[in-house]
PDB file of N, CA and C in Angstrom:
ATOM      1  N   MET A   1      28.816  -1.574 -24.311  1.00  0.00           N
ATOM      2  CA  MET A   1      27.798  -0.958 -23.479  1.00  0.00           C
ATOM      3  C   MET A   1      28.338  -0.613 -22.103  1.00  0.00           C
ATOM      4  N   PHE A   2      29.042  -1.538 -21.473  1.00  0.00           N
ATOM      5  CA  PHE A   2      29.557  -1.307 -20.142  1.00  0.00           C
ATOM      6  C   PHE A   2      31.049  -0.997 -20.142  1.00  0.00           C
ATOM      7  N   GLY A   3      31.655  -1.010 -21.258  1.00  0.00           N
ATOM      8  CA  GLY A   3      33.096  -0.758 -21.348  1.00  0.00           C
ATOM      9  C   GLY A   3      33.887  -2.026 -21.092  1.00  0.00           C
ATOM     10  N   GLY A   4      35.114  -2.018 -21.458  1.00  0.00           N
ATOM     11  CA  GLY A   4      35.983  -3.170 -21.233  1.00  0.00           C
ATOM     12  C   GLY A   4      35.833  -4.209 -22.322  1.00  0.00           C
ATOM     13  N   SER A   5      36.784  -5.100 -22.385  1.00  0.00           N
ATOM     14  CA  SER A   5      36.741  -6.178 -23.354  1.00  0.00           C
ATOM     15  C   SER A   5      37.276  -7.439 -22.701  1.00  0.00           C
ATOM     16  N   ILE A   6      37.197  -8.544 -23.423  1.00  0.00           N
ATOM     17  CA  ILE A   6      37.686  -9.813 -22.876  1.00  0.00           C
ATOM     18  C   ILE A   6      39.167  -9.723 -22.583  1.00  0.00           C
ATOM     19  N   GLU A   7      39.916  -9.015 -23.444  1.00  0.00           N
ATOM     20  CA  GLU A   7      41.356  -8.920 -23.256  1.00  0.00           C
ATOM     21  C   GLU A   7      41.735  -8.072 -22.051  1.00  0.00           C
ATOM     22  N   SER A   8      40.827  -7.238 -21.533  1.00  0.00           N
ATOM     23  CA  SER A   8      41.193  -6.329 -20.450  1.00  0.00           C
ATOM     24  C   SER A   8      41.424  -7.032 -19.128  1.00  0.00           C
ATOM     25  N   GLY A   9      40.998  -8.252 -19.019  1.00  0.00           N
ATOM     26  CA  GLY A   9      41.293  -8.989 -17.808  1.00  0.00           C
ATOM     27  C   GLY A   9      40.091  -9.165 -16.898  1.00  0.00           C
ATOM     28  N   HIS A  10      40.335  -9.941 -15.867  1.00  0.00           N
ATOM     29  CA  HIS A  10      39.296 -10.337 -14.919  1.00  0.00           C
ATOM     30  C   HIS A  10      38.728  -9.153 -14.145  1.00  0.00           C
ATOM     31  N   ARG A  11      39.574  -8.176 -13.790  1.00  0.00           N
ATOM     32  CA  ARG A  11      39.125  -7.044 -12.984  1.00  0.00           C
ATOM     33  C   ARG A  11      38.058  -6.239 -13.692  1.00  0.00           C
ATOM     34  N   ASP A  12      38.219  -6.049 -14.984  1.00  0.00           N
ATOM     35  CA  ASP A  12      37.235  -5.287 -15.743  1.00  0.00           C
ATOM     36  C   ASP A  12      35.893  -6.014 -15.806  1.00  0.00           C
ATOM     37  N   TRP A  13      35.917  -7.330 -15.884  1.00  0.00           N
ATOM     38  CA  TRP A  13      34.668  -8.082 -15.930  1.00  0.00           C
ATOM     39  C   TRP A  13      33.918  -8.000 -14.610  1.00  0.00           C
ATOM     40  N   ARG A  14      34.670  -7.980 -13.528  1.00  0.00           N
ATOM     41  CA  ARG A  14      34.031  -7.836 -12.222  1.00  0.00           C
ATOM     42  C   ARG A  14      33.315  -6.489 -12.159  1.00  0.00           C
ATOM     43  N   HIS A  15      33.973  -5.469 -12.708  1.00  0.00           N
ATOM     44  CA  HIS A  15      33.381  -4.134 -12.754  1.00  0.00           C
ATOM     45  C   HIS A  15      32.103  -4.141 -13.605  1.00  0.00           C
ATOM     46  N   VAL A  16      32.151  -4.861 -14.720  1.00  0.00           N
ATOM     47  CA  VAL A  16      30.980  -4.956 -15.603  1.00  0.00           C
ATOM     48  C   VAL A  16      29.832  -5.652 -14.873  1.00  0.00           C
ATOM     49  N   LEU A  17      30.119  -6.728 -14.156  1.00  0.00           N
ATOM     50  CA  LEU A  17      29.077  -7.441 -13.426  1.00  0.00           C
ATOM     51  C   LEU A  17      28.464  -6.567 -12.335  1.00  0.00           C
ATOM     52  N   ILE A  18      29.289  -5.789 -11.669  1.00  0.00           N
ATOM     53  CA  ILE A  18      28.788  -4.865 -10.654  1.00  0.00           C
ATOM     54  C   ILE A  18      27.839  -3.854 -11.293  1.00  0.00           C
ATOM     55  N   LYS A  19      28.225  -3.316 -12.437  1.00  0.00           N
ATOM     56  CA  LYS A  19      27.380  -2.354 -13.146  1.00  0.00           C
ATOM     57  C   LYS A  19      26.056  -2.983 -13.564  1.00  0.00           C
ATOM     58  N   ILE A  20      26.112  -4.214 -14.070  1.00  0.00           N
ATOM     59  CA  ILE A  20      24.886  -4.905 -14.480  1.00  0.00           C
ATOM     60  C   ILE A  20      23.956  -5.059 -13.283  1.00  0.00           C
ATOM     61  N   ASN A  21      24.503  -5.475 -12.141  1.00  0.00           N
ATOM     62  CA  ASN A  21      23.686  -5.635 -10.937  1.00  0.00           C
ATOM     63  C   ASN A  21      23.099  -4.305 -10.480  1.00  0.00           C
ATOM     64  N   GLN A  22      23.851  -3.224 -10.611  1.00  0.00           N
ATOM     65  CA  GLN A  22      23.331  -1.907 -10.244  1.00  0.00           C
ATOM     66  C   GLN A  22      22.165  -1.521 -11.141  1.00  0.00           C
ATOM     67  N   TYR A  23      22.294  -1.774 -12.437  1.00  0.00           N
ATOM     68  CA  TYR A  23      21.202  -1.474 -13.357  1.00  0.00           C
ATOM     69  C   TYR A  23      19.975  -2.313 -13.035  1.00  0.00           C
ATOM     70  N   LYS A  24      20.184  -3.594 -12.696  1.00  0.00           N
ATOM     71  CA  LYS A  24      19.062  -4.458 -12.339  1.00  0.00           C
ATOM     72  C   LYS A  24      18.375  -3.936 -11.081  1.00  0.00           C
ATOM     73  N   ASP A  25      19.157  -3.469 -10.109  1.00  0.00           N
ATOM     74  CA  ASP A  25      18.584  -2.924  -8.881  1.00  0.00           C
ATOM     75  C   ASP A  25      17.734  -1.701  -9.179  1.00  0.00           C
ATOM     76  N   VAL A  26      18.215  -0.834 -10.046  1.00  0.00           N
ATOM     77  CA  VAL A  26      17.462   0.358 -10.414  1.00  0.00           C
ATOM     78  C   VAL A  26      16.166  -0.037 -11.105  1.00  0.00           C
ATOM     79  N   LEU A  27      16.229  -0.991 -12.009  1.00  0.00           N
ATOM     80  CA  LEU A  27      15.029  -1.441 -12.698  1.00  0.00           C
ATOM     81  C   LEU A  27      14.029  -2.055 -11.724  1.00  0.00           C
ATOM     82  N   ASN A  28      14.503  -2.819 -10.758  1.00  0.00           N
ATOM     83  CA  ASN A  28      13.615  -3.428  -9.776  1.00  0.00           C
ATOM     84  C   ASN A  28      12.961  -2.376  -8.898  1.00  0.00           C
ATOM     85  N   MET A  29      13.658  -1.303  -8.613  1.00  0.00           N
ATOM     86  CA  MET A  29      13.108  -0.247  -7.786  1.00  0.00           C
ATOM     87  C   MET A  29      11.969   0.468  -8.501  1.00  0.00           C
ATOM     88  N   THR A  30      12.018   0.541  -9.810  1.00  0.00           N
ATOM     89  CA  THR A  30      11.001   1.277 -10.542  1.00  0.00           C
ATOM     90  C   THR A  30       9.773   0.428 -10.842  1.00  0.00           C
ATOM     91  N   LYS A  31       9.853  -0.874 -10.667  1.00  0.00           N
ATOM     92  CA  LYS A  31       8.702  -1.739 -10.906  1.00  0.00           C
ATOM     93  C   LYS A  31       7.695  -1.544  -9.774  1.00  0.00           C
ATOM     94  N   LYS A  32       6.429  -1.393 -10.134  1.00  0.00           N
ATOM     95  CA  LYS A  32       5.387  -1.270  -9.134  1.00  0.00           C
ATOM     96  C   LYS A  32       4.873  -2.651  -8.778  1.00  0.00           C
ATOM     97  N   LYS A  33       4.778  -2.909  -7.492  1.00  0.00           N
ATOM     98  CA  LYS A  33       4.195  -4.162  -7.052  1.00  0.00           C
ATOM     99  C   LYS A  33       2.683  -3.995  -7.054  1.00  0.00           C
ATOM    100  N   SER A  34       2.001  -5.072  -7.319  1.00  0.00           N
ATOM    101  CA  SER A  34       0.550  -5.045  -7.337  1.00  0.00           C
ATOM    102  C   SER A  34       0.032  -5.965  -6.239  1.00  0.00           C
ATOM    103  N   TYR A  35      -0.932  -5.476  -5.481  1.00  0.00           N
ATOM    104  CA  TYR A  35      -1.491  -6.248  -4.384  1.00  0.00           C
ATOM    105  C   TYR A  35      -2.995  -6.393  -4.606  1.00  0.00           C
ATOM    106  N   SER A  36      -3.517  -7.552  -4.309  1.00  0.00           N
ATOM    107  CA  SER A  36      -4.952  -7.781  -4.486  1.00  0.00           C
ATOM    108  C   SER A  36      -5.736  -6.964  -3.459  1.00  0.00           C
ATOM    109  N   PRO A  37      -6.968  -6.629  -3.789  1.00  0.00           N
ATOM    110  CA  PRO A  37      -7.805  -5.901  -2.825  1.00  0.00           C
ATOM    111  C   PRO A  37      -7.984  -6.671  -1.510  1.00  0.00           C
ATOM    112  N   GLU A  38      -8.071  -7.985  -1.591  1.00  0.00           N
ATOM    113  CA  GLU A  38      -8.222  -8.797  -0.384  1.00  0.00           C
ATOM    114  C   GLU A  38      -6.992  -8.684   0.510  1.00  0.00           C
ATOM    115  N   PHE A  39      -5.805  -8.713  -0.106  1.00  0.00           N
ATOM    116  CA  PHE A  39      -4.570  -8.581   0.657  1.00  0.00           C
ATOM    117  C   PHE A  39      -4.493  -7.203   1.291  1.00  0.00           C
ATOM    118  N   ARG A  40      -4.826  -6.165   0.537  1.00  0.00           N
ATOM    119  CA  ARG A  40      -4.806  -4.794   1.076  1.00  0.00           C
ATOM    120  C   ARG A  40      -5.727  -4.679   2.288  1.00  0.00           C
ATOM    121  N   GLU A  41      -6.923  -5.228   2.154  1.00  0.00           N
ATOM    122  CA  GLU A  41      -7.884  -5.161   3.263  1.00  0.00           C
ATOM    123  C   GLU A  41      -7.358  -5.900   4.486  1.00  0.00           C
ATOM    124  N   TYR A  42      -6.771  -7.065   4.277  1.00  0.00           N
ATOM    125  CA  TYR A  42      -6.202  -7.849   5.375  1.00  0.00           C
ATOM    126  C   TYR A  42      -5.113  -7.055   6.094  1.00  0.00           C
ATOM    127  N   VAL A  43      -4.230  -6.427   5.326  1.00  0.00           N
ATOM    128  CA  VAL A  43      -3.123  -5.670   5.907  1.00  0.00           C
ATOM    129  C   VAL A  43      -3.648  -4.452   6.664  1.00  0.00           C
ATOM    130  N   VAL A  44      -4.590  -3.734   6.063  1.00  0.00           N
ATOM    131  CA  VAL A  44      -5.139  -2.532   6.701  1.00  0.00           C
ATOM    132  C   VAL A  44      -5.859  -2.885   8.000  1.00  0.00           C
ATOM    133  N   LYS A  45      -6.571  -3.993   8.002  1.00  0.00           N
ATOM    134  CA  LYS A  45      -7.274  -4.395   9.226  1.00  0.00           C
ATOM    135  C   LYS A  45      -6.293  -4.754  10.333  1.00  0.00           C
ATOM    136  N   GLN A  46      -5.122  -5.274   9.971  1.00  0.00           N
ATOM    137  CA  GLN A  46      -4.090  -5.522  10.987  1.00  0.00           C
ATOM    138  C   GLN A  46      -3.689  -4.215  11.658  1.00  0.00           C
ATOM    139  N   ILE A  47      -3.651  -3.151  10.879  1.00  0.00           N
ATOM    140  CA  ILE A  47      -3.231  -1.854  11.403  1.00  0.00           C
ATOM    141  C   ILE A  47      -4.380  -1.171  12.146  1.00  0.00           C
ATOM    142  N   VAL A  48      -5.526  -1.044  11.490  1.00  0.00           N
ATOM    143  CA  VAL A  48      -6.632  -0.267  12.045  1.00  0.00           C
ATOM    144  C   VAL A  48      -7.350  -1.012  13.170  1.00  0.00           C
ATOM    145  N   LEU A  49      -7.693  -2.254  12.943  1.00  0.00           N
ATOM    146  CA  LEU A  49      -8.499  -2.988  13.912  1.00  0.00           C
ATOM    147  C   LEU A  49      -7.676  -3.715  14.968  1.00  0.00           C
ATOM    148  N   ASP A  50      -6.524  -4.266  14.558  1.00  0.00           N
ATOM    149  CA  ASP A  50      -5.705  -5.034  15.506  1.00  0.00           C
ATOM    150  C   ASP A  50      -4.662  -4.182  16.213  1.00  0.00           C
ATOM    151  N   GLY A  51      -4.459  -2.945  15.752  1.00  0.00           N
ATOM    152  CA  GLY A  51      -3.559  -2.026  16.439  1.00  0.00           C
ATOM    153  C   GLY A  51      -2.080  -2.182  16.129  1.00  0.00           C
ATOM    154  N   HIS A  52      -1.734  -2.885  15.077  1.00  0.00           N
ATOM    155  CA  HIS A  52      -0.323  -2.989  14.706  1.00  0.00           C
ATOM    156  C   HIS A  52       0.158  -1.649  14.154  1.00  0.00           C
ATOM    157  N   LYS A  53       1.414  -1.339  14.372  1.00  0.00           N
ATOM    158  CA  LYS A  53       1.984  -0.087  13.875  1.00  0.00           C
ATOM    159  C   LYS A  53       2.309  -0.213  12.390  1.00  0.00           C
ATOM    160  N   ILE A  54       2.077   0.894  11.678  1.00  0.00           N
ATOM    161  CA  ILE A  54       2.345   0.898  10.236  1.00  0.00           C
ATOM    162  C   ILE A  54       3.809   0.562   9.973  1.00  0.00           C
ATOM    163  N   VAL A  55       4.700   1.123  10.757  1.00  0.00           N
ATOM    164  CA  VAL A  55       6.131   0.905  10.521  1.00  0.00           C
ATOM    165  C   VAL A  55       6.489  -0.578  10.678  1.00  0.00           C
ATOM    166  N   ASP A  56       5.879  -1.239  11.657  1.00  0.00           N
ATOM    167  CA  ASP A  56       6.169  -2.662  11.874  1.00  0.00           C
ATOM    168  C   ASP A  56       5.640  -3.521  10.726  1.00  0.00           C
ATOM    169  N   VAL A  57       4.417  -3.237  10.292  1.00  0.00           N
ATOM    170  CA  VAL A  57       3.824  -3.989   9.189  1.00  0.00           C
ATOM    171  C   VAL A  57       4.611  -3.741   7.906  1.00  0.00           C
ATOM    172  N   SER A  58       5.026  -2.498   7.719  1.00  0.00           N
ATOM    173  CA  SER A  58       5.813  -2.131   6.537  1.00  0.00           C
ATOM    174  C   SER A  58       7.101  -2.946   6.464  1.00  0.00           C
ATOM    175  N   GLN A  59       7.797  -3.034   7.573  1.00  0.00           N
ATOM    176  CA  GLN A  59       9.053  -3.783   7.601  1.00  0.00           C
ATOM    177  C   GLN A  59       8.805  -5.279   7.463  1.00  0.00           C
ATOM    178  N   LYS A  60       7.793  -5.782   8.138  1.00  0.00           N
ATOM    179  CA  LYS A  60       7.518  -7.218   8.129  1.00  0.00           C
ATOM    180  C   LYS A  60       7.128  -7.711   6.739  1.00  0.00           C
ATOM    181  N   LEU A  61       6.296  -6.927   6.035  1.00  0.00           N
ATOM    182  CA  LEU A  61       5.783  -7.361   4.741  1.00  0.00           C
ATOM    183  C   LEU A  61       6.524  -6.748   3.559  1.00  0.00           C
ATOM    184  N   ASP A  62       7.504  -5.913   3.848  1.00  0.00           N
ATOM    185  CA  ASP A  62       8.290  -5.251   2.806  1.00  0.00           C
ATOM    186  C   ASP A  62       7.391  -4.452   1.843  1.00  0.00           C
ATOM    187  N   ILE A  63       6.515  -3.653   2.454  1.00  0.00           N
ATOM    188  CA  ILE A  63       5.647  -2.751   1.704  1.00  0.00           C
ATOM    189  C   ILE A  63       6.033  -1.337   2.126  1.00  0.00           C
ATOM    190  N   PRO A  64       6.210  -0.430   1.180  1.00  0.00           N
ATOM    191  CA  PRO A  64       6.610   0.928   1.553  1.00  0.00           C
ATOM    192  C   PRO A  64       5.642   1.565   2.561  1.00  0.00           C
ATOM    193  N   TYR A  65       6.216   2.285   3.510  1.00  0.00           N
ATOM    194  CA  TYR A  65       5.447   2.928   4.577  1.00  0.00           C
ATOM    195  C   TYR A  65       4.366   3.840   4.007  1.00  0.00           C
ATOM    196  N   ASP A  66       4.717   4.661   3.014  1.00  0.00           N
ATOM    197  CA  ASP A  66       3.740   5.600   2.462  1.00  0.00           C
ATOM    198  C   ASP A  66       2.603   4.886   1.738  1.00  0.00           C
ATOM    199  N   THR A  67       2.870   3.724   1.180  1.00  0.00           N
ATOM    200  CA  THR A  67       1.814   2.932   0.553  1.00  0.00           C
ATOM    201  C   THR A  67       0.799   2.489   1.608  1.00  0.00           C
ATOM    202  N   LEU A  68       1.295   2.010   2.738  1.00  0.00           N
ATOM    203  CA  LEU A  68       0.398   1.589   3.816  1.00  0.00           C
ATOM    204  C   LEU A  68      -0.396   2.770   4.358  1.00  0.00           C
ATOM    205  N   GLN A  69       0.232   3.933   4.456  1.00  0.00           N
ATOM    206  CA  GLN A  69      -0.487   5.120   4.910  1.00  0.00           C
ATOM    207  C   GLN A  69      -1.666   5.431   3.992  1.00  0.00           C
ATOM    208  N   LYS A  70      -1.439   5.328   2.696  1.00  0.00           N
ATOM    209  CA  LYS A  70      -2.511   5.585   1.725  1.00  0.00           C
ATOM    210  C   LYS A  70      -3.627   4.574   1.881  1.00  0.00           C
ATOM    211  N   TRP A  71      -3.285   3.302   2.046  1.00  0.00           N
ATOM    212  CA  TRP A  71      -4.302   2.267   2.207  1.00  0.00           C
ATOM    213  C   TRP A  71      -5.142   2.529   3.461  1.00  0.00           C
ATOM    214  N   VAL A  72      -4.458   2.870   4.562  1.00  0.00           N
ATOM    215  CA  VAL A  72      -5.157   3.131   5.822  1.00  0.00           C
ATOM    216  C   VAL A  72      -6.064   4.347   5.674  1.00  0.00           C
ATOM    217  N   TYR A  73      -5.566   5.401   5.041  1.00  0.00           N
ATOM    218  CA  TYR A  73      -6.356   6.612   4.824  1.00  0.00           C
ATOM    219  C   TYR A  73      -7.627   6.288   4.038  1.00  0.00           C
ATOM    220  N   ARG A  74      -7.483   5.541   2.949  1.00  0.00           N
ATOM    221  CA  ARG A  74      -8.637   5.183   2.116  1.00  0.00           C
ATOM    222  C   ARG A  74      -9.635   4.316   2.888  1.00  0.00           C
ATOM    223  N   PHE A  75      -9.116   3.378   3.685  1.00  0.00           N
ATOM    224  CA  PHE A  75      -9.975   2.497   4.473  1.00  0.00           C
ATOM    225  C   PHE A  75     -10.786   3.307   5.479  1.00  0.00           C
ATOM    226  N   LYS A  76     -10.113   4.206   6.200  1.00  0.00           N
ATOM    227  CA  LYS A  76     -10.805   5.024   7.199  1.00  0.00           C
ATOM    228  C   LYS A  76     -11.807   5.965   6.538  1.00  0.00           C
ATOM    229  N   LYS A  77     -11.460   6.508   5.389  1.00  0.00           N
ATOM    230  CA  LYS A  77     -12.365   7.389   4.658  1.00  0.00           C
ATOM    231  C   LYS A  77     -13.615   6.619   4.231  1.00  0.00           C
ATOM    232  N   ARG A  78     -13.416   5.395   3.733  1.00  0.00           N
ATOM    233  CA  ARG A  78     -14.532   4.556   3.307  1.00  0.00           C
ATOM    234  C   ARG A  78     -15.421   4.203   4.503  1.00  0.00           C
ATOM    235  N   GLN A  79     -14.804   3.907   5.646  1.00  0.00           N
ATOM    236  CA  GLN A  79     -15.574   3.594   6.854  1.00  0.00           C
ATOM    237  C   GLN A  79     -16.421   4.800   7.278  1.00  0.00           C
ATOM    238  N   LYS A  80     -15.818   5.974   7.221  1.00  0.00           N
ATOM    239  CA  LYS A  80     -16.517   7.201   7.608  1.00  0.00           C
ATOM    240  C   LYS A  80     -17.692   7.466   6.668  1.00  0.00           C
ATOM    241  N   GLU A  81     -17.475   7.278   5.366  1.00  0.00           N
ATOM    242  CA  GLU A  81     -18.546   7.482   4.385  1.00  0.00           C
ATOM    243  C   GLU A  81     -19.682   6.490   4.600  1.00  0.00           C
ATOM    244  N   GLU A  82     -19.334   5.239   4.898  1.00  0.00           N
ATOM    245  CA  GLU A  82     -20.371   4.230   5.143  1.00  0.00           C
ATOM    246  C   GLU A  82     -21.155   4.549   6.404  1.00  0.00           C
ATOM    247  N   ALA A  83     -20.478   5.023   7.438  1.00  0.00           N
ATOM    248  CA  ALA A  83     -21.166   5.409   8.674  1.00  0.00           C
ATOM    249  C   ALA A  83     -22.090   6.593   8.419  1.00  0.00           C
ATOM    250  N   GLN A  84     -21.635   7.550   7.623  1.00  0.00           N
ATOM    251  CA  GLN A  84     -22.455   8.717   7.294  1.00  0.00           C
ATOM    252  C   GLN A  84     -23.685   8.293   6.481  1.00  0.00           C
ATOM    253  N   GLU A  85     -23.489   7.378   5.552  1.00  0.00           N
ATOM    254  CA  GLU A  85     -24.602   6.881   4.740  1.00  0.00           C
ATOM    255  C   GLU A  85     -25.625   6.176   5.621  1.00  0.00           C
ATOM    256  N   THR A  86     -25.164   5.385   6.569  1.00  0.00           N
ATOM    257  CA  THR A  86     -26.061   4.714   7.511  1.00  0.00           C
ATOM    258  C   THR A  86     -26.823   5.734   8.329  1.00  0.00           C
ATOM    259  N   GLN A  87     -26.126   6.761   8.792  1.00  0.00           N
ATOM    260  CA  GLN A  87     -26.754   7.821   9.579  1.00  0.00           C
ATOM    261  C   GLN A  87     -27.805   8.555   8.752  1.00  0.00           C
ATOM    262  N   ASN A  88     -27.517   8.787   7.485  1.00  0.00           N
ATOM    263  CA  ASN A  88     -28.461   9.483   6.610  1.00  0.00           C
ATOM    264  C   ASN A  88     -29.733   8.681   6.381  1.00  0.00           C
ATOM    265  N   GLN A  89     -29.636   7.361   6.488  1.00  0.00           N
ATOM    266  CA  GLN A  89     -30.793   6.508   6.263  1.00  0.00           C
ATOM    267  C   GLN A  89     -31.711   6.429   7.479  1.00  0.00           C
ATOM    268  N   LEU A  90     -31.203   6.829   8.643  1.00  0.00           N
ATOM    269  CA  LEU A  90     -32.019   6.783   9.860  1.00  0.00           C
ATOM    270  C   LEU A  90     -32.998   7.949   9.868  1.00  0.00           C
ATOM    271  N   LEU A  91     -34.152   7.715  10.402  1.00  0.00           N
ATOM    272  CA  LEU A  91     -35.148   8.770  10.510  1.00  0.00           C
ATOM    273  C   LEU A  91     -34.882   9.631  11.733  1.00  0.00           C
ATOM    274  N   THR A  92     -35.158  10.909  11.587  1.00  0.00           N
ATOM    275  CA  THR A  92     -35.089  11.788  12.759  1.00  0.00           C
ATOM    276  C   THR A  92     -36.341  11.549  13.583  1.00  0.00           C
ATOM    277  N   ALA A  93     -36.362  12.047  14.796  1.00  0.00           N
ATOM    278  CA  ALA A  93     -37.519  11.865  15.675  1.00  0.00           C
ATOM    279  C   ALA A  93     -38.767  12.469  15.057  1.00  0.00           C
ATOM    280  N   SER A  94     -38.637  13.642  14.464  1.00  0.00           N
ATOM    281  CA  SER A  94     -39.817  14.286  13.865  1.00  0.00           C
ATOM    282  C   SER A  94     -40.287  13.522  12.626  1.00  0.00           C
ATOM    283  N   GLU A  95     -39.369  12.985  11.831  1.00  0.00           N
ATOM    284  CA  GLU A  95     -39.757  12.187  10.662  1.00  0.00           C
ATOM    285  C   GLU A  95     -40.473  10.913  11.103  1.00  0.00           C
ATOM    286  N   TYR A  96     -39.975  10.293  12.146  1.00  0.00           N
ATOM    287  CA  TYR A  96     -40.583   9.074  12.673  1.00  0.00           C
ATOM    288  C   TYR A  96     -41.994   9.368  13.178  1.00  0.00           C
ATOM    289  N   LYS A  97     -42.126  10.475  13.899  1.00  0.00           N
ATOM    290  CA  LYS A  97     -43.424  10.888  14.441  1.00  0.00           C
ATOM    291  C   LYS A  97     -44.409  11.159  13.305  1.00  0.00           C
ATOM    292  N   ASP A  98     -43.952  11.919  12.288  1.00  0.00           N
ATOM    293  CA  ASP A  98     -44.808  12.247  11.144  1.00  0.00           C
ATOM    294  C   ASP A  98     -45.260  10.999  10.409  1.00  0.00           C
ATOM    295  N   MET A  99     -44.419  10.042  10.289  1.00  0.00           N
ATOM    296  CA  MET A  99     -44.726   8.827   9.554  1.00  0.00           C
ATOM    297  C   MET A  99     -45.825   8.020  10.243  1.00  0.00           C
ATOM    298  N   TYR A 100     -45.801   7.951  11.575  1.00  0.00           N
ATOM    299  CA  TYR A 100     -46.750   7.124  12.291  1.00  0.00           C
ATOM    300  C   TYR A 100     -47.996   7.877  12.744  1.00  0.00           C
ATOM    301  N   GLU A 101     -47.958   9.192  12.709  1.00  0.00           N
ATOM    302  CA  GLU A 101     -49.155   9.953  13.083  1.00  0.00           C
ATOM    303  C   GLU A 101     -50.042  10.239  11.883  1.00  0.00           C
ATOM    304  N   ALA A 102     -49.526  10.080  10.698  1.00  0.00           N
ATOM    305  CA  ALA A 102     -50.302  10.404   9.496  1.00  0.00           C
ATOM    306  C   ALA A 102     -51.324   9.376   9.162  1.00  0.00           C
TER     307      ALA A 102
END
């Protein structure tokens, strides 16, 4: 699979081990890490509410920068939607007046 044989000597085996480690590195890069929703929320709040920079959090927690950007985007979008929903539930002045004058 990797070339070389036992008779080829120590140098060839070192080369084989290097190749094996390279393949393992490639496989590890393709594995997706999974994070709990609670952890995601905690990390996003560090960025959005506490003011930490995405790049700093990314390096500190070893989470890809673009992943954190997506989490922050979704969090802010959800906050905006919730604020809009709250606003939609409030009565306008004319609705309030109509309700109590009727």
